Amino acid sequence: MSNLLNSSVIACLLFWLIAGCTTAADSQTGTDTKIVRALVMGSAEHPDPVLDKVIELEKQGILRNVIVRESYPVQIELTGPESVINTLKAMPKKGLPGFK
C-alpha cells in the first residue's frame, strides 16, 4: 500500500511540475506577441526608410491594417506586435527644416 501511495504522489507531482513549466513558457511568449494599433511617423527623407520597412513587414504578414496618410512626412497607422511597432518608432528620422 505504501508503494502505491508513493507512486501516486510522485506521479501527481511530476504532472504538476510539467504543467507549471508549460504555463510559464506560454506566459513569457504572450508578452512578446501583444498586438496593438499605433500611429508611426515617417521620415522627411526620400525614399522614406520607415515607410519602406513598414511595407516590407506588411508583405511578410507581420503588420496588418496599414494606412498611409498622405502628409509630409507620412503618418502610418498600423496594427502589429508591440515590439515591432516600438522598433519602427525608434528608427532615426530626418525632420523637416525649421520644424521643431
N, C-alpha and C. Protein backbone atom coordinates (compact mmCIF):
# COMPACT_ATOMS: atom_id res chain seq x y z
N MET A 1 0.82 -1.19 0.00
CA MET A 1 0.00 0.00 0.00
C MET A 1 0.86 1.25 0.00
N SER A 2 1.93 1.20 0.76
CA SER A 2 2.81 2.35 0.85
C SER A 2 3.47 2.65 -0.49
N ASN A 3 3.86 1.62 -1.23
CA ASN A 3 4.48 1.83 -2.54
C ASN A 3 3.50 2.42 -3.54
N LEU A 4 2.26 2.00 -3.48
CA LEU A 4 1.23 2.52 -4.36
C LEU A 4 0.97 4.00 -4.07
N LEU A 5 0.93 4.37 -2.80
CA LEU A 5 0.73 5.75 -2.40
C LEU A 5 1.90 6.62 -2.84
N ASN A 6 3.11 6.14 -2.63
CA ASN A 6 4.30 6.88 -3.06
C ASN A 6 4.32 7.08 -4.56
N SER A 7 3.98 6.06 -5.30
CA SER A 7 3.94 6.15 -6.76
C SER A 7 2.90 7.18 -7.22
N SER A 8 1.75 7.17 -6.55
CA SER A 8 0.69 8.12 -6.92
C SER A 8 1.11 9.55 -6.63
N VAL A 9 1.75 9.78 -5.48
CA VAL A 9 2.20 11.12 -5.11
C VAL A 9 3.27 11.60 -6.10
N ILE A 10 4.20 10.73 -6.44
CA ILE A 10 5.27 11.11 -7.39
C ILE A 10 4.69 11.41 -8.77
N ALA A 11 3.73 10.61 -9.20
CA ALA A 11 3.09 10.84 -10.50
C ALA A 11 2.36 12.19 -10.52
N CYS A 12 1.65 12.50 -9.44
CA CYS A 12 0.94 13.79 -9.35
C CYS A 12 1.92 14.96 -9.35
N LEU A 13 2.98 14.84 -8.57
CA LEU A 13 3.97 15.92 -8.52
C LEU A 13 4.63 16.13 -9.88
N LEU A 14 4.95 15.06 -10.57
CA LEU A 14 5.54 15.15 -11.90
C LEU A 14 4.59 15.83 -12.87
N PHE A 15 3.31 15.46 -12.80
CA PHE A 15 2.30 16.10 -13.65
C PHE A 15 2.23 17.61 -13.41
N TRP A 16 2.17 18.01 -12.14
CA TRP A 16 2.07 19.44 -11.80
C TRP A 16 3.33 20.19 -12.19
N LEU A 17 4.48 19.55 -12.08
CA LEU A 17 5.74 20.18 -12.48
C LEU A 17 5.75 20.46 -13.98
N ILE A 18 5.34 19.47 -14.76
CA ILE A 18 5.29 19.66 -16.22
C ILE A 18 4.25 20.71 -16.60
N ALA A 19 3.10 20.67 -15.99
CA ALA A 19 2.04 21.65 -16.29
C ALA A 19 2.49 23.06 -15.91
N GLY A 20 3.18 23.21 -14.80
CA GLY A 20 3.67 24.52 -14.38
C GLY A 20 4.70 25.08 -15.32
N CYS A 21 5.60 24.25 -15.81
CA CYS A 21 6.63 24.70 -16.75
C CYS A 21 6.00 25.12 -18.07
N THR A 22 5.01 24.40 -18.54
CA THR A 22 4.33 24.75 -19.78
C THR A 22 3.61 26.09 -19.65
N THR A 23 2.94 26.32 -18.55
CA THR A 23 2.24 27.57 -18.32
C THR A 23 3.22 28.73 -18.25
N ALA A 24 4.35 28.57 -17.61
CA ALA A 24 5.36 29.63 -17.52
C ALA A 24 5.90 29.97 -18.90
N ALA A 25 6.13 28.98 -19.74
CA ALA A 25 6.64 29.23 -21.09
C ALA A 25 5.61 29.98 -21.92
N ASP A 26 4.33 29.62 -21.79
CA ASP A 26 3.28 30.32 -22.53
C ASP A 26 3.15 31.77 -22.11
N SER A 27 3.27 32.05 -20.82
CA SER A 27 3.11 33.42 -20.35
C SER A 27 4.29 34.29 -20.79
N GLN A 28 5.47 33.73 -20.95
CA GLN A 28 6.61 34.51 -21.41
C GLN A 28 6.45 34.90 -22.87
N THR A 29 5.98 33.99 -23.71
CA THR A 29 5.81 34.32 -25.12
C THR A 29 4.60 35.22 -25.32
N GLY A 30 3.63 35.18 -24.42
CA GLY A 30 2.44 36.01 -24.56
C GLY A 30 2.75 37.49 -24.48
N THR A 31 3.72 37.90 -23.69
CA THR A 31 4.05 39.31 -23.59
C THR A 31 4.78 39.79 -24.83
N ASP A 32 5.49 38.90 -25.52
CA ASP A 32 6.23 39.29 -26.71
C ASP A 32 5.32 39.50 -27.91
N THR A 33 4.15 38.92 -27.91
CA THR A 33 3.29 38.97 -29.08
C THR A 33 2.05 39.83 -28.86
N LYS A 34 2.10 40.78 -27.97
CA LYS A 34 0.96 41.65 -27.73
C LYS A 34 0.72 42.49 -28.99
N ILE A 35 -0.48 42.41 -29.54
CA ILE A 35 -0.83 43.12 -30.77
C ILE A 35 -1.49 44.45 -30.39
N VAL A 36 -1.00 45.53 -31.00
CA VAL A 36 -1.53 46.86 -30.71
C VAL A 36 -1.76 47.63 -32.01
N ARG A 37 -2.56 48.66 -31.91
CA ARG A 37 -2.81 49.60 -33.02
C ARG A 37 -2.04 50.86 -32.69
N ALA A 38 -1.31 51.43 -33.67
CA ALA A 38 -0.47 52.59 -33.37
C ALA A 38 -0.35 53.51 -34.59
N LEU A 39 0.14 54.71 -34.31
CA LEU A 39 0.45 55.69 -35.34
C LEU A 39 1.96 55.91 -35.32
N VAL A 40 2.60 55.69 -36.46
CA VAL A 40 4.05 55.84 -36.58
C VAL A 40 4.32 56.97 -37.56
N MET A 41 5.19 57.87 -37.19
CA MET A 41 5.56 58.98 -38.06
C MET A 41 6.70 58.54 -38.98
N GLY A 42 6.59 58.91 -40.25
CA GLY A 42 7.65 58.61 -41.20
C GLY A 42 8.76 59.64 -41.11
N SER A 43 9.69 59.56 -42.03
CA SER A 43 10.82 60.47 -42.07
C SER A 43 10.64 61.44 -43.24
N ALA A 44 11.33 62.56 -43.19
CA ALA A 44 11.27 63.54 -44.27
C ALA A 44 12.26 63.18 -45.38
N GLU A 45 12.91 62.04 -45.27
CA GLU A 45 13.85 61.59 -46.29
C GLU A 45 13.11 60.99 -47.47
N HIS A 46 13.81 60.96 -48.62
CA HIS A 46 13.24 60.29 -49.79
C HIS A 46 14.29 59.38 -50.37
N PRO A 47 14.06 58.08 -50.47
CA PRO A 47 12.88 57.36 -50.02
C PRO A 47 12.83 57.25 -48.50
N ASP A 48 11.65 57.17 -47.98
CA ASP A 48 11.43 57.13 -46.53
C ASP A 48 11.78 55.74 -46.00
N PRO A 49 12.83 55.62 -45.16
CA PRO A 49 13.22 54.30 -44.64
C PRO A 49 12.17 53.68 -43.72
N VAL A 50 11.43 54.50 -43.01
CA VAL A 50 10.38 53.99 -42.12
C VAL A 50 9.25 53.37 -42.95
N LEU A 51 8.82 54.08 -43.96
CA LEU A 51 7.76 53.58 -44.84
C LEU A 51 8.22 52.31 -45.57
N ASP A 52 9.46 52.29 -46.04
CA ASP A 52 9.99 51.11 -46.71
C ASP A 52 9.96 49.89 -45.79
N LYS A 53 10.34 50.08 -44.52
CA LYS A 53 10.35 48.98 -43.55
C LYS A 53 8.93 48.50 -43.27
N VAL A 54 7.98 49.45 -43.16
CA VAL A 54 6.58 49.09 -42.91
C VAL A 54 6.04 48.26 -44.08
N ILE A 55 6.34 48.66 -45.30
CA ILE A 55 5.87 47.93 -46.47
C ILE A 55 6.46 46.52 -46.49
N GLU A 56 7.74 46.41 -46.15
CA GLU A 56 8.40 45.10 -46.09
C GLU A 56 7.75 44.20 -45.04
N LEU A 57 7.49 44.75 -43.84
CA LEU A 57 6.88 43.97 -42.76
C LEU A 57 5.44 43.60 -43.08
N GLU A 58 4.73 44.46 -43.82
CA GLU A 58 3.36 44.15 -44.22
C GLU A 58 3.35 42.99 -45.22
N LYS A 59 4.30 42.98 -46.15
CA LYS A 59 4.39 41.89 -47.12
C LYS A 59 4.70 40.56 -46.44
N GLN A 60 5.47 40.62 -45.34
CA GLN A 60 5.81 39.41 -44.59
C GLN A 60 4.66 38.95 -43.69
N GLY A 61 3.62 39.78 -43.57
CA GLY A 61 2.47 39.42 -42.75
C GLY A 61 2.63 39.77 -41.28
N ILE A 62 3.66 40.53 -40.94
CA ILE A 62 3.89 40.90 -39.55
C ILE A 62 3.00 42.07 -39.15
N LEU A 63 2.79 43.01 -40.07
CA LEU A 63 1.92 44.16 -39.82
C LEU A 63 0.64 44.01 -40.63
N ARG A 64 -0.46 44.54 -40.07
CA ARG A 64 -1.76 44.47 -40.73
C ARG A 64 -2.42 45.84 -40.67
N ASN A 65 -3.48 45.98 -41.44
CA ASN A 65 -4.31 47.20 -41.43
C ASN A 65 -3.46 48.45 -41.58
N VAL A 66 -2.54 48.45 -42.53
CA VAL A 66 -1.64 49.58 -42.73
C VAL A 66 -2.35 50.66 -43.54
N ILE A 67 -2.40 51.86 -42.97
CA ILE A 67 -2.97 53.02 -43.65
C ILE A 67 -1.89 54.10 -43.68
N VAL A 68 -1.55 54.56 -44.88
CA VAL A 68 -0.53 55.60 -45.04
C VAL A 68 -1.24 56.90 -45.38
N ARG A 69 -1.13 57.87 -44.49
CA ARG A 69 -1.74 59.18 -44.72
C ARG A 69 -0.80 60.02 -45.56
N GLU A 70 -1.35 60.68 -46.54
CA GLU A 70 -0.55 61.46 -47.47
C GLU A 70 -0.20 62.83 -46.91
N SER A 71 0.50 62.83 -45.83
CA SER A 71 1.01 64.07 -45.25
C SER A 71 2.52 64.05 -45.47
N TYR A 72 3.19 65.10 -45.09
CA TYR A 72 4.65 65.12 -45.22
C TYR A 72 5.25 65.57 -43.91
N PRO A 73 5.98 64.72 -43.23
CA PRO A 73 6.23 63.32 -43.56
C PRO A 73 4.98 62.47 -43.34
N VAL A 74 4.99 61.29 -43.93
CA VAL A 74 3.80 60.44 -43.87
C VAL A 74 3.50 60.02 -42.43
N GLN A 75 2.24 59.79 -42.18
CA GLN A 75 1.78 59.21 -40.92
C GLN A 75 1.24 57.83 -41.26
N ILE A 76 1.72 56.83 -40.54
CA ILE A 76 1.38 55.45 -40.86
C ILE A 76 0.61 54.85 -39.69
N GLU A 77 -0.64 54.50 -39.94
CA GLU A 77 -1.46 53.85 -38.92
C GLU A 77 -1.40 52.35 -39.21
N LEU A 78 -1.14 51.53 -38.17
CA LEU A 78 -0.96 50.11 -38.41
C LEU A 78 -1.27 49.28 -37.17
N THR A 79 -1.40 47.98 -37.38
CA THR A 79 -1.62 47.02 -36.31
C THR A 79 -0.52 45.97 -36.40
N GLY A 80 0.07 45.64 -35.23
CA GLY A 80 1.11 44.63 -35.21
C GLY A 80 1.66 44.41 -33.83
N PRO A 81 2.69 43.57 -33.72
CA PRO A 81 3.31 43.31 -32.42
C PRO A 81 3.91 44.59 -31.82
N GLU A 82 3.69 44.76 -30.53
CA GLU A 82 4.15 45.97 -29.85
C GLU A 82 5.65 46.17 -30.00
N SER A 83 6.43 45.10 -29.93
CA SER A 83 7.88 45.22 -30.04
C SER A 83 8.29 45.72 -31.42
N VAL A 84 7.61 45.28 -32.46
CA VAL A 84 7.92 45.73 -33.83
C VAL A 84 7.56 47.20 -33.99
N ILE A 85 6.41 47.59 -33.46
CA ILE A 85 5.99 48.99 -33.56
C ILE A 85 6.95 49.90 -32.80
N ASN A 86 7.40 49.47 -31.63
CA ASN A 86 8.37 50.28 -30.87
C ASN A 86 9.68 50.42 -31.64
N THR A 87 10.08 49.39 -32.35
CA THR A 87 11.30 49.46 -33.18
C THR A 87 11.10 50.46 -34.31
N LEU A 88 9.94 50.45 -34.94
CA LEU A 88 9.66 51.41 -36.02
C LEU A 88 9.67 52.84 -35.50
N LYS A 89 9.08 53.05 -34.32
CA LYS A 89 9.04 54.39 -33.74
C LYS A 89 10.43 54.88 -33.36
N ALA A 90 11.33 53.96 -33.04
CA ALA A 90 12.68 54.33 -32.61
C ALA A 90 13.65 54.54 -33.78
N MET A 91 13.20 54.24 -35.00
CA MET A 91 14.09 54.42 -36.16
C MET A 91 14.48 55.89 -36.29
N PRO A 92 15.74 56.16 -36.65
CA PRO A 92 16.15 57.57 -36.82
C PRO A 92 15.37 58.21 -37.97
N LYS A 93 14.94 59.42 -37.74
CA LYS A 93 14.14 60.13 -38.73
C LYS A 93 14.72 61.51 -38.99
N LYS A 94 14.69 61.90 -40.24
CA LYS A 94 15.11 63.25 -40.62
C LYS A 94 13.86 64.12 -40.58
N GLY A 95 13.93 65.21 -39.83
CA GLY A 95 12.78 66.09 -39.72
C GLY A 95 12.74 67.13 -40.82
N LEU A 96 11.67 67.88 -40.85
CA LEU A 96 11.54 68.96 -41.81
C LEU A 96 12.42 70.13 -41.39
N PRO A 97 13.01 70.86 -42.35
CA PRO A 97 13.81 72.02 -42.00
C PRO A 97 12.94 73.08 -41.29
N GLY A 98 13.39 73.59 -40.18
CA GLY A 98 12.68 74.61 -39.44
C GLY A 98 11.56 74.07 -38.58
N PHE A 99 11.33 72.76 -38.59
CA PHE A 99 10.28 72.15 -37.78
C PHE A 99 10.87 71.67 -36.46
N LYS A 100 10.28 72.10 -35.35
CA LYS A 100 10.79 71.70 -34.05
C LYS A 100 9.78 70.88 -33.31
